[in-house]
C-alpha atoms as a PDB file:
ATOM      1  CA  MET A   1      34.793  15.123 -52.620  1.00  0.00           C
ATOM      2  CA  LYS A   2      32.978  13.172 -55.324  1.00  0.00           C
ATOM      3  CA  ILE A   3      34.124   9.834 -56.708  1.00  0.00           C
ATOM      4  CA  GLY A   4      34.537  11.337 -60.182  1.00  0.00           C
ATOM      5  CA  GLU A   5      36.974  13.940 -58.851  1.00  0.00           C
ATOM      6  CA  ILE A   6      39.052  11.291 -57.052  1.00  0.00           C
ATOM      7  CA  ILE A   7      39.283   9.103 -60.162  1.00  0.00           C
ATOM      8  CA  LYS A   8      40.125  12.155 -62.291  1.00  0.00           C
ATOM      9  CA  ASP A   9      43.074  12.992 -59.984  1.00  0.00           C
ATOM     10  CA  LYS A  10      44.459   9.477 -59.533  1.00  0.00           C
ATOM     11  CA  GLN A  11      43.544   7.702 -62.809  1.00  0.00           C
ATOM     12  CA  PRO A  12      42.929  10.216 -65.599  1.00  0.00           C
ATOM     13  CA  ASP A  13      42.959   7.601 -68.391  1.00  0.00           C
ATOM     14  CA  VAL A  14      40.223   5.547 -66.691  1.00  0.00           C
ATOM     15  CA  TYR A  15      38.184   8.720 -66.150  1.00  0.00           C
ATOM     16  CA  ARG A  16      38.381   9.608 -69.875  1.00  0.00           C
ATOM     17  CA  LYS A  17      37.246   6.100 -70.863  1.00  0.00           C
ATOM     18  CA  LEU A  18      34.271   6.284 -68.509  1.00  0.00           C
ATOM     19  CA  ASN A  19      33.202   9.672 -69.890  1.00  0.00           C
ATOM     20  CA  LYS A  20      33.451   8.458 -73.503  1.00  0.00           C
ATOM     21  CA  HIS A  21      31.298   5.441 -72.663  1.00  0.00           C
ATOM     22  CA  GLU A  22      28.736   7.660 -70.925  1.00  0.00           C
ATOM     23  CA  LYS A  23      28.487  10.046 -73.889  1.00  0.00           C
ATOM     24  CA  LYS A  24      27.787   7.171 -76.310  1.00  0.00           C
ATOM     25  CA  GLU A  25      24.810   6.008 -74.251  1.00  0.00           C
ATOM     26  CA  ARG A  26      23.179   9.455 -74.242  1.00  0.00           C
ATOM     27  CA  LYS A  27      22.203   9.387 -77.950  1.00  0.00           C
ATOM     28  CA  GLN A  28      18.452   9.616 -78.323  1.00  0.00           C
ATOM     29  CA  GLU A  29      16.366   7.872 -80.913  1.00  0.00           C
ATOM     30  CA  HIS A  30      14.420  10.194 -83.208  1.00  0.00           C
ATOM     31  CA  LEU A  31      10.816   9.090 -83.672  1.00  0.00           C
ATOM     32  CA  SER A  32       8.464  10.604 -86.191  1.00  0.00           C
ATOM     33  CA  PHE A  33       4.941  11.701 -85.338  1.00  0.00           C
ATOM     34  CA  TYR A  34       3.522   8.578 -87.015  1.00  0.00           C
ATOM     35  CA  ASP A  35       5.816   6.290 -84.965  1.00  0.00           C
ATOM     36  CA  ILE A  36       4.742   7.901 -81.695  1.00  0.00           C
ATOM     37  CA  GLN A  37       1.085   7.663 -82.656  1.00  0.00           C
ATOM     38  CA  GLU A  38       1.481   3.975 -83.531  1.00  0.00           C
ATOM     39  CA  LEU A  39       3.205   3.237 -80.205  1.00  0.00           C
ATOM     40  CA  MET A  40       0.460   4.964 -78.245  1.00  0.00           C
ATOM     41  CA  GLN A  41      -2.273   2.981 -79.993  1.00  0.00           C
ATOM     42  CA  GLY A  42      -0.549  -0.344 -79.275  1.00  0.00           C
ATOM     43  CA  GLY A  43      -1.735  -0.427 -75.662  1.00  0.00           C
ATOM     44  CA  ILE A  44      -5.450  -0.684 -76.427  1.00  0.00           C
ATOM     45  CA  HIS A  45      -6.991  -3.734 -74.760  1.00  0.00           C
ATOM     46  CA  VAL A  46      -9.782  -5.674 -76.411  1.00  0.00           C
ATOM     47  CA  TYR A  47     -12.272  -7.606 -74.300  1.00  0.00           C
ATOM     48  CA  LYS A  48     -14.683 -10.354 -75.331  1.00  0.00           C
ATOM     49  CA  ARG A  49     -17.420 -12.127 -73.437  1.00  0.00           C
ATOM     50  CA  HIS A  50     -16.842 -15.827 -72.920  1.00  0.00           C
ATOM     51  CA  ARG A  51     -19.292 -17.822 -70.769  1.00  0.00           C
ATOM     52  CA  GLY A  52     -20.615 -14.633 -69.207  1.00  0.00           C
ATOM     53  CA  ALA A  53     -17.219 -13.254 -68.212  1.00  0.00           C
ATOM     54  CA  PHE A  54     -15.102 -10.642 -69.954  1.00  0.00           C
ATOM     55  CA  ARG A  55     -11.794 -11.981 -71.287  1.00  0.00           C
ATOM     56  CA  GLN A  56      -8.890  -9.952 -72.546  1.00  0.00           C
ATOM     57  CA  ILE A  57      -8.000 -10.873 -76.129  1.00  0.00           C
ATOM     58  CA  LYS A  58      -5.088  -8.567 -76.935  1.00  0.00           C
END
């Protein structure tokens, strides 16, 4: 027997509250193509030479 089934049998009001809370968290954020492209380009690292060694700038 799963925990959800036990709570549903013994405390139905608590079970309903938990399910409502879970459904609210499932909403996904809609990102446009431009937003996704901008996020993917944000991880580019830039290196510069300083005293003969490469240093990461960004």
